[in-house]
């Protein structure tokens, strides 16, 4: 069941370089919005980043952490791990910051939510799957609650 859509604005990647397990990049999350039937609010500006590990063929492991603030002022910590891959030529263009058709890219995440809000306890007691899209300055993830 569709729960909400996250639209996160992001900075240019900071490339750490080639480490033993791949190319390490860090992409700061600068802000954004959350909208849907189950949750609405904002991404707290500069509250997180995406720590990426990219393989030579472009296969990317993602570890994204950030904070949401609901319209009621409730805070939610999110750790969203996932993978992103496509044919190597598409991934090369995507990782270079070019616009690519999101239908060509497999981008899935599994978030974990933490909050002290009793009204949001349902976030901590369900499994969600995110389906993502990446543009040069924005990441869109649609979150689905598994029943």
N, C-alpha and C. Protein backbone atom coordinates (compact mmCIF):
# COMPACT_ATOMS: atom_id res chain seq x y z
N UNK A 1 0.84 -1.16 0.00
CA UNK A 1 0.00 0.00 0.00
C UNK A 1 0.90 1.24 0.00
N UNK A 2 0.61 2.19 -0.91
CA UNK A 2 1.39 3.42 -0.99
C UNK A 2 1.23 4.20 0.31
N UNK A 3 2.36 4.61 0.90
CA UNK A 3 2.34 5.36 2.17
C UNK A 3 2.67 6.83 1.96
N UNK A 4 3.78 7.11 1.25
CA UNK A 4 4.17 8.50 1.03
C UNK A 4 5.31 8.56 0.03
N UNK A 5 5.52 9.78 -0.49
CA UNK A 5 6.61 10.04 -1.43
C UNK A 5 7.58 11.03 -0.81
N UNK A 6 8.84 10.71 -0.87
CA UNK A 6 9.92 11.58 -0.41
C UNK A 6 10.56 12.22 -1.63
N UNK A 7 10.75 13.53 -1.58
CA UNK A 7 11.50 14.26 -2.60
C UNK A 7 12.63 14.96 -1.87
N UNK A 8 13.84 14.44 -2.01
CA UNK A 8 15.00 14.99 -1.30
C UNK A 8 15.91 15.73 -2.27
N UNK A 9 16.27 16.95 -1.90
CA UNK A 9 17.26 17.68 -2.68
C UNK A 9 18.63 17.25 -2.19
N UNK A 10 19.56 17.16 -3.12
CA UNK A 10 20.90 16.66 -2.79
C UNK A 10 21.98 17.56 -3.38
N UNK A 11 23.12 17.55 -2.70
CA UNK A 11 24.30 18.28 -3.16
C UNK A 11 25.08 17.42 -4.14
N UNK A 12 26.08 18.01 -4.76
CA UNK A 12 26.99 17.24 -5.61
C UNK A 12 27.73 16.22 -4.75
N UNK A 13 28.03 15.05 -5.30
CA UNK A 13 28.74 14.03 -4.53
C UNK A 13 30.14 14.48 -4.13
N UNK A 14 30.54 14.06 -2.95
CA UNK A 14 31.93 14.17 -2.52
C UNK A 14 32.53 12.80 -2.79
N UNK A 15 33.50 12.74 -3.68
CA UNK A 15 34.10 11.46 -4.06
C UNK A 15 35.33 11.23 -3.18
N UNK A 16 35.24 10.23 -2.31
CA UNK A 16 36.37 9.86 -1.47
C UNK A 16 37.42 9.17 -2.31
N UNK A 17 36.97 8.31 -3.22
CA UNK A 17 37.89 7.61 -4.12
C UNK A 17 37.74 6.11 -4.01
N UNK A 18 38.64 5.44 -4.70
CA UNK A 18 38.62 3.98 -4.75
C UNK A 18 39.11 3.41 -3.43
N UNK A 19 38.26 2.64 -2.77
CA UNK A 19 38.61 1.95 -1.53
C UNK A 19 38.49 0.45 -1.81
N UNK A 20 38.86 -0.42 -0.88
CA UNK A 20 38.87 -1.85 -1.19
C UNK A 20 37.58 -2.43 -1.77
N UNK A 21 36.42 -1.87 -1.42
CA UNK A 21 35.16 -2.47 -1.87
C UNK A 21 34.48 -1.70 -2.99
N UNK A 22 35.12 -0.67 -3.54
CA UNK A 22 34.52 0.09 -4.62
C UNK A 22 34.84 1.57 -4.50
N UNK A 23 34.12 2.36 -5.27
CA UNK A 23 34.28 3.81 -5.25
C UNK A 23 33.36 4.38 -4.18
N UNK A 24 33.93 5.06 -3.20
CA UNK A 24 33.14 5.63 -2.10
C UNK A 24 32.77 7.07 -2.45
N UNK A 25 31.44 7.34 -2.39
CA UNK A 25 30.92 8.69 -2.58
C UNK A 25 29.98 9.02 -1.44
N UNK A 26 29.91 10.29 -1.09
CA UNK A 26 28.97 10.75 -0.07
C UNK A 26 28.17 11.90 -0.68
N UNK A 27 26.85 11.77 -0.64
CA UNK A 27 25.96 12.77 -1.21
C UNK A 27 25.14 13.37 -0.08
N UNK A 28 25.37 14.64 0.23
CA UNK A 28 24.63 15.32 1.29
C UNK A 28 23.17 15.54 0.88
N UNK A 29 22.28 15.37 1.85
CA UNK A 29 20.86 15.63 1.64
C UNK A 29 20.59 17.03 2.20
N UNK A 30 20.15 17.95 1.34
CA UNK A 30 20.03 19.35 1.73
C UNK A 30 18.63 19.78 2.15
N UNK A 31 17.62 18.96 1.90
CA UNK A 31 16.25 19.30 2.27
C UNK A 31 15.28 18.45 1.49
N UNK A 32 14.01 18.87 1.48
CA UNK A 32 13.03 18.14 0.70
C UNK A 32 11.68 18.08 1.37
N UNK A 33 10.79 17.28 0.78
CA UNK A 33 9.42 17.15 1.27
C UNK A 33 9.02 15.69 1.36
N UNK A 34 8.00 15.45 2.17
CA UNK A 34 7.36 14.14 2.30
C UNK A 34 5.87 14.38 2.18
N UNK A 35 5.22 13.69 1.24
CA UNK A 35 3.78 13.87 1.04
C UNK A 35 3.13 12.53 0.73
N UNK A 36 1.98 12.32 1.33
CA UNK A 36 1.22 11.12 1.04
C UNK A 36 0.05 10.98 1.97
N UNK A 37 -0.75 9.94 1.74
CA UNK A 37 -1.94 9.75 2.58
C UNK A 37 -1.59 9.38 4.02
N UNK A 38 -0.39 8.88 4.25
CA UNK A 38 -0.03 8.42 5.59
C UNK A 38 0.94 9.34 6.33
N UNK A 39 1.56 10.28 5.62
CA UNK A 39 2.60 11.10 6.25
C UNK A 39 2.87 12.33 5.40
N UNK A 40 3.01 13.49 6.05
CA UNK A 40 3.37 14.72 5.35
C UNK A 40 4.33 15.51 6.21
N UNK A 41 5.30 16.15 5.57
CA UNK A 41 6.26 16.95 6.30
C UNK A 41 7.42 17.35 5.40
N UNK A 42 8.58 17.54 6.04
CA UNK A 42 9.78 17.97 5.33
C UNK A 42 10.96 17.10 5.73
N UNK A 43 11.96 17.11 4.85
CA UNK A 43 13.26 16.55 5.19
C UNK A 43 14.00 17.67 5.90
N UNK A 44 14.45 17.41 7.11
CA UNK A 44 15.17 18.43 7.86
C UNK A 44 16.43 18.78 7.08
N UNK A 45 16.61 20.07 6.74
CA UNK A 45 17.77 20.46 5.93
C UNK A 45 19.10 20.05 6.56
N UNK A 46 19.96 19.53 5.71
CA UNK A 46 21.33 19.15 6.11
C UNK A 46 21.36 18.19 7.30
N UNK A 47 20.40 17.29 7.36
CA UNK A 47 20.34 16.33 8.47
C UNK A 47 20.84 14.95 8.09
N UNK A 48 21.40 14.81 6.90
CA UNK A 48 21.86 13.48 6.53
C UNK A 48 22.58 13.44 5.21
N UNK A 49 22.87 12.21 4.79
CA UNK A 49 23.59 11.99 3.55
C UNK A 49 23.37 10.56 3.09
N UNK A 50 23.83 10.31 1.88
CA UNK A 50 23.81 8.97 1.29
C UNK A 50 25.26 8.55 1.12
N UNK A 51 25.67 7.52 1.86
CA UNK A 51 27.02 6.97 1.75
C UNK A 51 26.95 5.85 0.72
N UNK A 52 27.55 6.07 -0.43
CA UNK A 52 27.44 5.14 -1.56
C UNK A 52 28.73 4.39 -1.80
N UNK A 53 28.58 3.14 -2.22
CA UNK A 53 29.70 2.31 -2.66
C UNK A 53 29.36 1.87 -4.08
N UNK A 54 30.17 2.27 -5.05
CA UNK A 54 29.87 2.02 -6.45
C UNK A 54 30.91 1.08 -7.04
N UNK A 55 30.42 0.01 -7.67
CA UNK A 55 31.30 -0.97 -8.31
C UNK A 55 31.66 -0.50 -9.72
N UNK A 56 32.69 -1.09 -10.34
CA UNK A 56 33.12 -0.66 -11.68
C UNK A 56 32.00 -0.67 -12.74
N UNK A 57 31.04 -1.58 -12.61
CA UNK A 57 29.95 -1.63 -13.59
C UNK A 57 28.81 -0.68 -13.23
N UNK A 58 28.96 0.09 -12.14
CA UNK A 58 27.96 1.05 -11.72
C UNK A 58 27.01 0.55 -10.65
N UNK A 59 27.01 -0.74 -10.36
CA UNK A 59 26.16 -1.27 -9.29
C UNK A 59 26.45 -0.50 -8.01
N UNK A 60 25.40 0.05 -7.39
CA UNK A 60 25.59 0.93 -6.24
C UNK A 60 24.88 0.38 -5.01
N UNK A 61 25.62 0.36 -3.89
CA UNK A 61 25.05 0.05 -2.59
C UNK A 61 24.86 1.39 -1.88
N UNK A 62 23.65 1.60 -1.35
CA UNK A 62 23.28 2.88 -0.77
C UNK A 62 23.00 2.72 0.73
N UNK A 63 23.48 3.65 1.51
CA UNK A 63 23.20 3.71 2.95
C UNK A 63 22.88 5.16 3.26
N UNK A 64 21.59 5.46 3.29
CA UNK A 64 21.11 6.83 3.41
C UNK A 64 20.51 7.04 4.79
N UNK A 65 20.90 8.15 5.43
CA UNK A 65 20.39 8.48 6.77
C UNK A 65 20.01 9.95 6.80
N UNK A 66 18.82 10.23 7.34
CA UNK A 66 18.34 11.60 7.39
C UNK A 66 17.20 11.69 8.39
N UNK A 67 16.70 12.91 8.61
CA UNK A 67 15.64 13.16 9.57
C UNK A 67 14.45 13.82 8.87
N UNK A 68 13.25 13.36 9.22
CA UNK A 68 12.02 13.97 8.73
C UNK A 68 11.35 14.71 9.88
N UNK A 69 10.64 15.80 9.55
CA UNK A 69 9.80 16.50 10.52
C UNK A 69 8.39 16.56 9.93
N UNK A 70 7.43 15.98 10.62
CA UNK A 70 6.06 15.97 10.11
C UNK A 70 5.45 17.36 10.23
N UNK A 71 4.31 17.55 9.59
CA UNK A 71 3.60 18.82 9.68
C UNK A 71 3.19 19.14 11.11
N UNK A 72 3.11 18.11 11.97
CA UNK A 72 2.78 18.31 13.39
C UNK A 72 4.03 18.55 14.24
N UNK A 73 5.22 18.52 13.62
CA UNK A 73 6.46 18.76 14.36
C UNK A 73 7.13 17.52 14.91
N UNK A 74 6.61 16.34 14.61
CA UNK A 74 7.19 15.09 15.10
C UNK A 74 8.45 14.77 14.27
N UNK A 75 9.48 14.26 14.94
CA UNK A 75 10.72 13.91 14.26
C UNK A 75 10.81 12.41 14.01
N UNK A 76 11.36 12.06 12.85
CA UNK A 76 11.55 10.66 12.46
C UNK A 76 12.96 10.51 11.91
N UNK A 77 13.73 9.62 12.50
CA UNK A 77 15.05 9.27 11.98
C UNK A 77 14.85 8.14 10.98
N UNK A 78 15.50 8.25 9.82
CA UNK A 78 15.37 7.24 8.77
C UNK A 78 16.73 6.72 8.39
N UNK A 79 16.88 5.40 8.37
CA UNK A 79 18.03 4.76 7.74
C UNK A 79 17.47 3.94 6.59
N UNK A 80 17.90 4.28 5.40
CA UNK A 80 17.34 3.70 4.19
C UNK A 80 18.47 3.04 3.41
N UNK A 81 18.53 1.72 3.42
CA UNK A 81 19.56 1.01 2.67
C UNK A 81 18.96 0.47 1.38
N UNK A 82 19.79 0.40 0.36
CA UNK A 82 19.25 -0.09 -0.90
C UNK A 82 20.31 -0.35 -1.93
N UNK A 83 19.83 -0.64 -3.15
CA UNK A 83 20.71 -0.88 -4.29
C UNK A 83 20.16 -0.15 -5.50
N UNK A 84 21.07 0.16 -6.39
CA UNK A 84 20.68 0.81 -7.65
C UNK A 84 21.58 0.23 -8.73
N UNK A 85 20.95 -0.21 -9.84
CA UNK A 85 21.76 -0.71 -10.95
C UNK A 85 20.99 -0.59 -12.26
N UNK A 86 21.73 -0.62 -13.32
CA UNK A 86 21.21 -0.52 -14.69
C UNK A 86 22.34 -1.00 -15.60
N UNK A 87 22.11 -1.08 -16.89
CA UNK A 87 23.23 -1.39 -17.78
C UNK A 87 24.38 -0.40 -17.55
N UNK A 88 25.63 -0.86 -17.69
CA UNK A 88 26.79 -0.02 -17.35
C UNK A 88 26.78 1.37 -18.01
N UNK A 89 26.35 1.47 -19.27
CA UNK A 89 26.34 2.79 -19.93
C UNK A 89 25.33 3.72 -19.27
N UNK A 90 24.19 3.20 -18.81
CA UNK A 90 23.18 4.01 -18.13
C UNK A 90 23.70 4.45 -16.77
N UNK A 91 24.34 3.53 -16.03
CA UNK A 91 24.87 3.87 -14.71
C UNK A 91 25.99 4.90 -14.82
N UNK A 92 26.80 4.81 -15.86
CA UNK A 92 27.87 5.79 -16.05
C UNK A 92 27.28 7.19 -16.21
N UNK A 93 26.23 7.29 -17.01
CA UNK A 93 25.57 8.58 -17.23
C UNK A 93 24.90 9.07 -15.93
N UNK A 94 24.22 8.17 -15.23
CA UNK A 94 23.54 8.53 -13.98
C UNK A 94 24.54 9.03 -12.95
N UNK A 95 25.63 8.29 -12.75
CA UNK A 95 26.64 8.67 -11.76
C UNK A 95 27.41 9.92 -12.16
N UNK A 96 27.36 10.29 -13.43
CA UNK A 96 27.99 11.52 -13.89
C UNK A 96 27.05 12.72 -13.73
N UNK A 97 25.83 12.47 -13.23
CA UNK A 97 24.90 13.56 -13.00
C UNK A 97 23.98 13.85 -14.16
N UNK A 98 23.94 12.98 -15.16
CA UNK A 98 23.05 13.18 -16.30
C UNK A 98 21.64 12.66 -15.98
N UNK A 99 20.68 13.19 -16.70
CA UNK A 99 19.30 12.72 -16.57
C UNK A 99 19.15 11.44 -17.39
N UNK A 100 18.62 10.39 -16.77
CA UNK A 100 18.34 9.13 -17.48
C UNK A 100 16.90 8.73 -17.19
N UNK A 101 16.33 7.96 -18.06
CA UNK A 101 14.97 7.47 -17.89
C UNK A 101 14.93 6.56 -16.66
N UNK A 102 14.12 6.89 -15.64
CA UNK A 102 14.08 6.06 -14.43
C UNK A 102 13.62 4.63 -14.68
N UNK A 103 12.93 4.39 -15.78
CA UNK A 103 12.49 3.03 -16.10
C UNK A 103 13.66 2.11 -16.43
N UNK A 104 14.82 2.70 -16.74
CA UNK A 104 16.00 1.90 -17.08
C UNK A 104 16.81 1.50 -15.85
N UNK A 105 16.46 2.05 -14.69
CA UNK A 105 17.26 1.87 -13.48
C UNK A 105 16.46 1.12 -12.42
N UNK A 106 17.05 0.06 -11.89
CA UNK A 106 16.47 -0.64 -10.74
C UNK A 106 17.00 0.06 -9.49
N UNK A 107 16.11 0.69 -8.73
CA UNK A 107 16.49 1.48 -7.56
C UNK A 107 15.47 1.15 -6.46
N UNK A 108 15.87 0.30 -5.50
CA UNK A 108 14.98 -0.14 -4.43
C UNK A 108 15.67 0.03 -3.09
N UNK A 109 14.86 0.33 -2.07
CA UNK A 109 15.39 0.54 -0.72
C UNK A 109 14.50 -0.14 0.30
N UNK A 110 15.07 -0.34 1.48
CA UNK A 110 14.32 -0.84 2.63
C UNK A 110 14.63 0.09 3.80
N UNK A 111 13.66 0.94 4.18
CA UNK A 111 13.91 1.89 5.26
C UNK A 111 13.62 1.31 6.64
N UNK A 112 14.28 1.91 7.61
CA UNK A 112 13.99 1.64 9.02
C UNK A 112 13.72 3.00 9.66
N UNK A 113 12.62 3.10 10.40
CA UNK A 113 12.21 4.36 11.00
C UNK A 113 12.34 4.29 12.52
N UNK A 114 12.76 5.41 13.12
CA UNK A 114 12.78 5.55 14.58
C UNK A 114 12.09 6.86 14.93
N UNK A 115 11.19 6.82 15.91
CA UNK A 115 10.50 8.02 16.36
C UNK A 115 10.01 7.81 17.79
N UNK A 116 9.84 8.91 18.50
CA UNK A 116 9.28 8.84 19.84
C UNK A 116 7.78 9.13 19.84
N UNK A 117 7.23 9.48 18.69
CA UNK A 117 5.81 9.84 18.59
C UNK A 117 4.91 8.61 18.66
N UNK A 118 4.00 8.59 19.63
CA UNK A 118 3.05 7.46 19.70
C UNK A 118 2.18 7.36 18.44
N UNK A 119 1.85 8.50 17.82
CA UNK A 119 1.02 8.48 16.62
C UNK A 119 1.73 7.89 15.41
N UNK A 120 3.05 7.81 15.46
CA UNK A 120 3.83 7.30 14.33
C UNK A 120 4.43 5.92 14.59
N UNK A 121 3.99 5.29 15.66
CA UNK A 121 4.51 3.96 16.01
C UNK A 121 4.35 2.96 14.86
N UNK A 122 3.32 3.16 14.03
CA UNK A 122 3.07 2.26 12.90
C UNK A 122 4.27 2.21 11.95
N UNK A 123 5.05 3.31 11.88
CA UNK A 123 6.25 3.30 11.02
C UNK A 123 7.28 2.30 11.52
N UNK A 124 7.35 2.12 12.83
CA UNK A 124 8.37 1.25 13.43
C UNK A 124 7.92 -0.21 13.50
N UNK A 125 6.67 -0.45 13.14
CA UNK A 125 6.10 -1.80 13.28
C UNK A 125 5.64 -2.39 11.96
N UNK A 126 6.20 -1.88 10.88
CA UNK A 126 5.87 -2.40 9.55
C UNK A 126 7.14 -2.46 8.72
N UNK A 127 7.08 -3.25 7.68
CA UNK A 127 8.15 -3.30 6.68
C UNK A 127 7.71 -2.44 5.51
N UNK A 128 8.63 -1.63 5.01
CA UNK A 128 8.38 -0.76 3.87
C UNK A 128 9.40 -1.08 2.78
N UNK A 129 9.01 -0.82 1.56
CA UNK A 129 9.92 -0.89 0.41
C UNK A 129 9.84 0.45 -0.31
N UNK A 130 10.98 0.98 -0.68
CA UNK A 130 11.02 2.22 -1.43
C UNK A 130 11.40 1.95 -2.88
N UNK A 131 10.75 2.66 -3.78
CA UNK A 131 11.06 2.60 -5.21
C UNK A 131 11.56 3.99 -5.59
N UNK A 132 12.83 4.06 -6.04
CA UNK A 132 13.45 5.35 -6.22
C UNK A 132 13.73 5.77 -7.65
N UNK A 133 13.95 7.08 -7.79
CA UNK A 133 14.39 7.70 -9.03
C UNK A 133 15.44 8.73 -8.66
N UNK A 134 16.43 8.91 -9.53
CA UNK A 134 17.49 9.88 -9.27
C UNK A 134 17.59 10.85 -10.43
N UNK A 135 17.56 12.13 -10.12
CA UNK A 135 17.84 13.16 -11.11
C UNK A 135 19.08 13.90 -10.61
N UNK A 136 19.64 14.81 -11.38
CA UNK A 136 20.90 15.44 -10.95
C UNK A 136 20.86 16.08 -9.56
N UNK A 137 19.77 16.72 -9.16
CA UNK A 137 19.74 17.41 -7.87
C UNK A 137 18.63 16.94 -6.93
N UNK A 138 17.99 15.82 -7.27
CA UNK A 138 16.87 15.35 -6.47
C UNK A 138 16.78 13.83 -6.52
N UNK A 139 16.35 13.28 -5.39
CA UNK A 139 16.03 11.86 -5.32
C UNK A 139 14.56 11.76 -4.92
N UNK A 140 13.82 10.93 -5.64
CA UNK A 140 12.42 10.68 -5.33
C UNK A 140 12.30 9.22 -4.93
N UNK A 141 11.70 8.98 -3.77
CA UNK A 141 11.46 7.61 -3.32
C UNK A 141 10.01 7.51 -2.91
N UNK A 142 9.30 6.56 -3.50
CA UNK A 142 7.92 6.27 -3.13
C UNK A 142 7.95 5.06 -2.20
N UNK A 143 7.42 5.25 -1.00
CA UNK A 143 7.46 4.21 0.02
C UNK A 143 6.12 3.47 0.07
N UNK A 144 6.23 2.13 0.11
CA UNK A 144 5.07 1.25 0.17
C UNK A 144 5.15 0.42 1.45
N UNK A 145 4.06 0.41 2.19
CA UNK A 145 3.96 -0.38 3.41
C UNK A 145 3.47 -1.77 3.04
N UNK A 146 4.21 -2.79 3.41
CA UNK A 146 3.80 -4.16 3.12
C UNK A 146 2.76 -4.60 4.14
N UNK A 147 1.72 -5.23 3.64
CA UNK A 147 0.62 -5.68 4.52
C UNK A 147 0.79 -7.14 4.87
